[in-house]
């Protein structure tokens, strides 16, 4: 009975009067009917949970790509991924625009198919807690232009890119 009480505030206070008044209004503000009632505390505590659930549809990870150093035919970069969910293994993929080729990678094993690069966790860093970071670095070659990579994914799911 207690968990359903916050969900149905009009039923607990004046059943007849408020329920009828609210049904007329409930068609317009179904997104925030509780915010306008006096039952803001119970709904207020549940709204962060609703926000987190809606964010799970958006990227569950953020990527930071850092170009550490660059020279005429090569560069060094690090990738840091923050995952909102716990991981027991990970695989980060991205694409290069300008034909860059990864030559050496540390803290992950690398495979590259054309412009698509995949970094797979090492045994010692494959476990990541929720909200935790995973990171690896690499050396790569470039010619003409060295645009930052794009289309980052973590275990096949899209990541948002910082900066």
C-alpha atoms as a PDB file:
ATOM      1  CA  UNK A   1       0.000   0.000   0.000  1.00  0.00           C
ATOM      2  CA  UNK A   2       2.827   2.429   0.783  1.00  0.00           C
ATOM      3  CA  UNK A   3       4.675   2.210  -2.578  1.00  0.00           C
ATOM      4  CA  UNK A   4       1.450   2.883  -4.524  1.00  0.00           C
ATOM      5  CA  UNK A   5       0.485   5.870  -2.361  1.00  0.00           C
ATOM      6  CA  UNK A   6       3.094   8.255  -3.869  1.00  0.00           C
ATOM      7  CA  UNK A   7       2.073   7.163  -7.370  1.00  0.00           C
ATOM      8  CA  UNK A   8      -1.582   8.074  -6.753  1.00  0.00           C
ATOM      9  CA  UNK A   9      -1.546  11.300  -4.726  1.00  0.00           C
ATOM     10  CA  UNK A  10      -5.080  12.397  -5.701  1.00  0.00           C
ATOM     11  CA  UNK A  11      -6.561   9.125  -4.333  1.00  0.00           C
ATOM     12  CA  UNK A  12      -5.021   9.657  -0.869  1.00  0.00           C
ATOM     13  CA  UNK A  13      -6.176  13.275  -0.525  1.00  0.00           C
ATOM     14  CA  UNK A  14      -9.857  14.092  -1.450  1.00  0.00           C
ATOM     15  CA  UNK A  15     -10.738  11.213  -3.843  1.00  0.00           C
ATOM     16  CA  UNK A  16     -13.775  12.809  -5.483  1.00  0.00           C
ATOM     17  CA  UNK A  17     -12.776  16.476  -5.789  1.00  0.00           C
ATOM     18  CA  UNK A  18      -9.116  16.254  -6.801  1.00  0.00           C
ATOM     19  CA  UNK A  19      -9.472  13.208  -9.036  1.00  0.00           C
ATOM     20  CA  UNK A  20     -12.085  14.896 -11.208  1.00  0.00           C
ATOM     21  CA  UNK A  21     -10.230  18.197 -11.337  1.00  0.00           C
ATOM     22  CA  UNK A  22      -6.966  16.476 -12.226  1.00  0.00           C
ATOM     23  CA  UNK A  23      -8.453  14.318 -14.978  1.00  0.00           C
ATOM     24  CA  UNK A  24      -9.326  17.453 -16.891  1.00  0.00           C
ATOM     25  CA  UNK A  25      -5.761  18.739 -16.532  1.00  0.00           C
ATOM     26  CA  UNK A  26      -3.915  15.429 -16.744  1.00  0.00           C
ATOM     27  CA  UNK A  27      -4.106  15.368 -20.528  1.00  0.00           C
ATOM     28  CA  UNK A  28      -1.808  18.383 -20.806  1.00  0.00           C
ATOM     29  CA  UNK A  29       0.869  17.942 -18.117  1.00  0.00           C
ATOM     30  CA  UNK A  30       1.377  14.158 -17.786  1.00  0.00           C
ATOM     31  CA  UNK A  31       5.111  14.763 -17.773  1.00  0.00           C
ATOM     32  CA  UNK A  32       4.978  16.800 -14.556  1.00  0.00           C
ATOM     33  CA  UNK A  33       1.621  16.493 -12.827  1.00  0.00           C
ATOM     34  CA  UNK A  34       3.291  15.772  -9.487  1.00  0.00           C
ATOM     35  CA  UNK A  35       5.483  18.869  -9.691  1.00  0.00           C
ATOM     36  CA  UNK A  36       2.400  21.066  -9.488  1.00  0.00           C
ATOM     37  CA  UNK A  37       0.781  19.207  -6.568  1.00  0.00           C
ATOM     38  CA  UNK A  38       1.953  19.347  -2.986  1.00  0.00           C
ATOM     39  CA  UNK A  39       3.345  15.808  -3.225  1.00  0.00           C
ATOM     40  CA  UNK A  40       6.660  16.998  -4.656  1.00  0.00           C
ATOM     41  CA  UNK A  41       8.903  15.211  -2.155  1.00  0.00           C
ATOM     42  CA  UNK A  42       8.002  11.592  -3.060  1.00  0.00           C
ATOM     43  CA  UNK A  43       8.026  12.310  -6.789  1.00  0.00           C
ATOM     44  CA  UNK A  44      11.136  14.446  -6.427  1.00  0.00           C
ATOM     45  CA  UNK A  45      13.052  11.505  -5.021  1.00  0.00           C
ATOM     46  CA  UNK A  46      11.892   9.222  -7.824  1.00  0.00           C
ATOM     47  CA  UNK A  47      12.644  11.664 -10.666  1.00  0.00           C
ATOM     48  CA  UNK A  48      16.453  11.194 -10.569  1.00  0.00           C
ATOM     49  CA  UNK A  49      15.799   7.481 -11.118  1.00  0.00           C
ATOM     50  CA  UNK A  50      13.596   8.310 -14.092  1.00  0.00           C
ATOM     51  CA  UNK A  51      16.343  10.578 -15.436  1.00  0.00           C
ATOM     52  CA  UNK A  52      18.900   7.777 -15.134  1.00  0.00           C
ATOM     53  CA  UNK A  53      16.581   5.413 -16.979  1.00  0.00           C
ATOM     54  CA  UNK A  54      16.130   7.856 -19.851  1.00  0.00           C
ATOM     55  CA  UNK A  55      19.902   8.328 -20.033  1.00  0.00           C
ATOM     56  CA  UNK A  56      20.367   4.576 -20.469  1.00  0.00           C
ATOM     57  CA  UNK A  57      18.812   4.985 -23.911  1.00  0.00           C
ATOM     58  CA  UNK A  58      21.422   7.609 -24.692  1.00  0.00           C
ATOM     59  CA  UNK A  59      25.123   6.623 -24.735  1.00  0.00           C
ATOM     60  CA  UNK A  60      26.203   4.612 -21.691  1.00  0.00           C
ATOM     61  CA  UNK A  61      29.782   5.779 -22.080  1.00  0.00           C
ATOM     62  CA  UNK A  62      31.855   8.883 -22.693  1.00  0.00           C
ATOM     63  CA  UNK A  63      35.117   8.920 -24.639  1.00  0.00           C
ATOM     64  CA  UNK A  64      38.032  11.247 -24.254  1.00  0.00           C
ATOM     65  CA  UNK A  65      40.536  11.132 -27.113  1.00  0.00           C
ATOM     66  CA  UNK A  66      43.830  12.830 -26.306  1.00  0.00           C
ATOM     67  CA  UNK A  67      46.428  13.459 -29.009  1.00  0.00           C
ATOM     68  CA  UNK A  68      49.525  13.283 -26.797  1.00  0.00           C
ATOM     69  CA  UNK A  69      52.164  14.002 -29.443  1.00  0.00           C
ATOM     70  CA  UNK A  70      52.424  14.276 -33.209  1.00  0.00           C
ATOM     71  CA  UNK A  71      55.363  14.263 -35.621  1.00  0.00           C
ATOM     72  CA  UNK A  72      55.597  14.392 -39.445  1.00  0.00           C
ATOM     73  CA  UNK A  73      54.488  10.787 -40.086  1.00  0.00           C
ATOM     74  CA  UNK A  74      53.176   9.531 -36.751  1.00  0.00           C
ATOM     75  CA  UNK A  75      51.438  10.328 -33.497  1.00  0.00           C
ATOM     76  CA  UNK A  76      50.740   9.068 -29.991  1.00  0.00           C
ATOM     77  CA  UNK A  77      47.257   9.161 -28.485  1.00  0.00           C
ATOM     78  CA  UNK A  78      45.379   7.944 -25.441  1.00  0.00           C
ATOM     79  CA  UNK A  79      41.728   6.980 -25.212  1.00  0.00           C
ATOM     80  CA  UNK A  80      39.834   7.098 -21.915  1.00  0.00           C
ATOM     81  CA  UNK A  81      36.324   5.689 -21.753  1.00  0.00           C
ATOM     82  CA  UNK A  82      34.019   6.240 -18.788  1.00  0.00           C
ATOM     83  CA  UNK A  83      31.303   3.591 -18.568  1.00  0.00           C
ATOM     84  CA  UNK A  84      28.058   4.189 -16.687  1.00  0.00           C
ATOM     85  CA  UNK A  85      27.592   0.413 -16.361  1.00  0.00           C
ATOM     86  CA  UNK A  86      29.918  -2.188 -14.829  1.00  0.00           C
ATOM     87  CA  UNK A  87      31.915  -4.200 -17.376  1.00  0.00           C
ATOM     88  CA  UNK A  88      33.509  -7.623 -17.073  1.00  0.00           C
ATOM     89  CA  UNK A  89      35.188  -7.183 -20.446  1.00  0.00           C
ATOM     90  CA  UNK A  90      35.383  -4.407 -23.018  1.00  0.00           C
ATOM     91  CA  UNK A  91      35.998  -3.664 -26.655  1.00  0.00           C
ATOM     92  CA  UNK A  92      36.324  -0.092 -27.901  1.00  0.00           C
ATOM     93  CA  UNK A  93      36.069   0.659 -31.614  1.00  0.00           C
ATOM     94  CA  UNK A  94      36.379   3.815 -33.656  1.00  0.00           C
ATOM     95  CA  UNK A  95      37.013   5.005 -37.205  1.00  0.00           C
ATOM     96  CA  UNK A  96      39.746   7.190 -38.685  1.00  0.00           C
ATOM     97  CA  UNK A  97      38.959   9.606 -41.529  1.00  0.00           C
ATOM     98  CA  UNK A  98      42.414   9.988 -43.030  1.00  0.00           C
ATOM     99  CA  UNK A  99      43.831   6.476 -43.356  1.00  0.00           C
ATOM    100  CA  UNK A 100      45.728   6.500 -40.053  1.00  0.00           C
ATOM    101  CA  UNK A 101      47.217   3.100 -39.147  1.00  0.00           C
ATOM    102  CA  UNK A 102      47.742   1.960 -35.550  1.00  0.00           C
ATOM    103  CA  UNK A 103      51.168   0.368 -35.185  1.00  0.00           C
ATOM    104  CA  UNK A 104      51.460  -0.298 -31.474  1.00  0.00           C
ATOM    105  CA  UNK A 105      48.990  -0.263 -28.573  1.00  0.00           C
ATOM    106  CA  UNK A 106      49.375  -0.696 -24.824  1.00  0.00           C
ATOM    107  CA  UNK A 107      46.833  -1.725 -22.153  1.00  0.00           C
ATOM    108  CA  UNK A 108      44.739  -3.311 -24.935  1.00  0.00           C
ATOM    109  CA  UNK A 109      45.205  -5.483 -28.000  1.00  0.00           C
ATOM    110  CA  UNK A 110      44.516  -3.905 -31.367  1.00  0.00           C
ATOM    111  CA  UNK A 111      42.995  -4.993 -34.643  1.00  0.00           C
ATOM    112  CA  UNK A 112      42.338  -2.728 -37.598  1.00  0.00           C
ATOM    113  CA  UNK A 113      40.152  -3.321 -40.629  1.00  0.00           C
ATOM    114  CA  UNK A 114      40.534  -0.430 -43.058  1.00  0.00           C
ATOM    115  CA  UNK A 115      39.642   2.743 -41.159  1.00  0.00           C
ATOM    116  CA  UNK A 116      37.937   0.842 -38.291  1.00  0.00           C
ATOM    117  CA  UNK A 117      40.114   0.156 -35.237  1.00  0.00           C
ATOM    118  CA  UNK A 118      39.170  -2.134 -32.341  1.00  0.00           C
ATOM    119  CA  UNK A 119      40.935  -2.170 -28.966  1.00  0.00           C
ATOM    120  CA  UNK A 120      40.198  -5.198 -26.779  1.00  0.00           C
ATOM    121  CA  UNK A 121      40.806  -5.281 -23.007  1.00  0.00           C
ATOM    122  CA  UNK A 122      43.906  -6.897 -21.597  1.00  0.00           C
ATOM    123  CA  UNK A 123      43.372  -9.579 -18.925  1.00  0.00           C
ATOM    124  CA  UNK A 124      44.451  -7.224 -16.134  1.00  0.00           C
ATOM    125  CA  UNK A 125      42.130  -4.302 -17.000  1.00  0.00           C
ATOM    126  CA  UNK A 126      38.994  -5.904 -18.427  1.00  0.00           C
ATOM    127  CA  UNK A 127      36.884  -5.373 -15.299  1.00  0.00           C
ATOM    128  CA  UNK A 128      35.492  -1.825 -14.951  1.00  0.00           C
ATOM    129  CA  UNK A 129      33.091  -0.702 -12.175  1.00  0.00           C
ATOM    130  CA  UNK A 130      30.029   1.422 -12.969  1.00  0.00           C
ATOM    131  CA  UNK A 131      31.202   5.006 -13.404  1.00  0.00           C
ATOM    132  CA  UNK A 132      34.783   3.794 -13.816  1.00  0.00           C
ATOM    133  CA  UNK A 133      37.322   4.502 -16.539  1.00  0.00           C
ATOM    134  CA  UNK A 134      39.203   2.278 -18.898  1.00  0.00           C
ATOM    135  CA  UNK A 135      42.200   3.667 -20.748  1.00  0.00           C
ATOM    136  CA  UNK A 136      44.768   2.641 -23.335  1.00  0.00           C
ATOM    137  CA  UNK A 137      47.265   4.317 -25.592  1.00  0.00           C
ATOM    138  CA  UNK A 138      48.671   3.772 -29.045  1.00  0.00           C
ATOM    139  CA  UNK A 139      51.160   4.879 -31.667  1.00  0.00           C
ATOM    140  CA  UNK A 140      49.946   5.329 -35.217  1.00  0.00           C
ATOM    141  CA  UNK A 141      51.027   6.654 -38.574  1.00  0.00           C
ATOM    142  CA  UNK A 142      49.360   9.355 -40.611  1.00  0.00           C
ATOM    143  CA  UNK A 143      49.836  11.073 -43.961  1.00  0.00           C
ATOM    144  CA  UNK A 144      48.550  14.456 -45.114  1.00  0.00           C
ATOM    145  CA  UNK A 145      45.959  14.991 -42.402  1.00  0.00           C
ATOM    146  CA  UNK A 146      45.390  13.615 -38.897  1.00  0.00           C
ATOM    147  CA  UNK A 147      41.736  14.241 -38.054  1.00  0.00           C
ATOM    148  CA  UNK A 148      40.532  12.929 -34.675  1.00  0.00           C
ATOM    149  CA  UNK A 149      38.713   9.588 -34.772  1.00  0.00           C
ATOM    150  CA  UNK A 150      34.918   9.354 -34.715  1.00  0.00           C
ATOM    151  CA  UNK A 151      32.102   6.830 -34.210  1.00  0.00           C
ATOM    152  CA  UNK A 152      33.356   5.432 -30.898  1.00  0.00           C
ATOM    153  CA  UNK A 153      31.586   2.355 -29.554  1.00  0.00           C
ATOM    154  CA  UNK A 154      31.969   0.381 -26.332  1.00  0.00           C
ATOM    155  CA  UNK A 155      31.034  -3.294 -26.727  1.00  0.00           C
ATOM    156  CA  UNK A 156      29.108  -2.356 -29.862  1.00  0.00           C
ATOM    157  CA  UNK A 157      27.115   0.520 -28.296  1.00  0.00           C
ATOM    158  CA  UNK A 158      27.577   4.165 -29.243  1.00  0.00           C
ATOM    159  CA  UNK A 159      29.651   6.415 -26.986  1.00  0.00           C
ATOM    160  CA  UNK A 160      29.413  10.157 -26.626  1.00  0.00           C
ATOM    161  CA  UNK A 161      32.667  11.947 -27.338  1.00  0.00           C
ATOM    162  CA  UNK A 162      34.027  14.656 -25.020  1.00  0.00           C
ATOM    163  CA  UNK A 163      35.354  17.616 -26.940  1.00  0.00           C
END
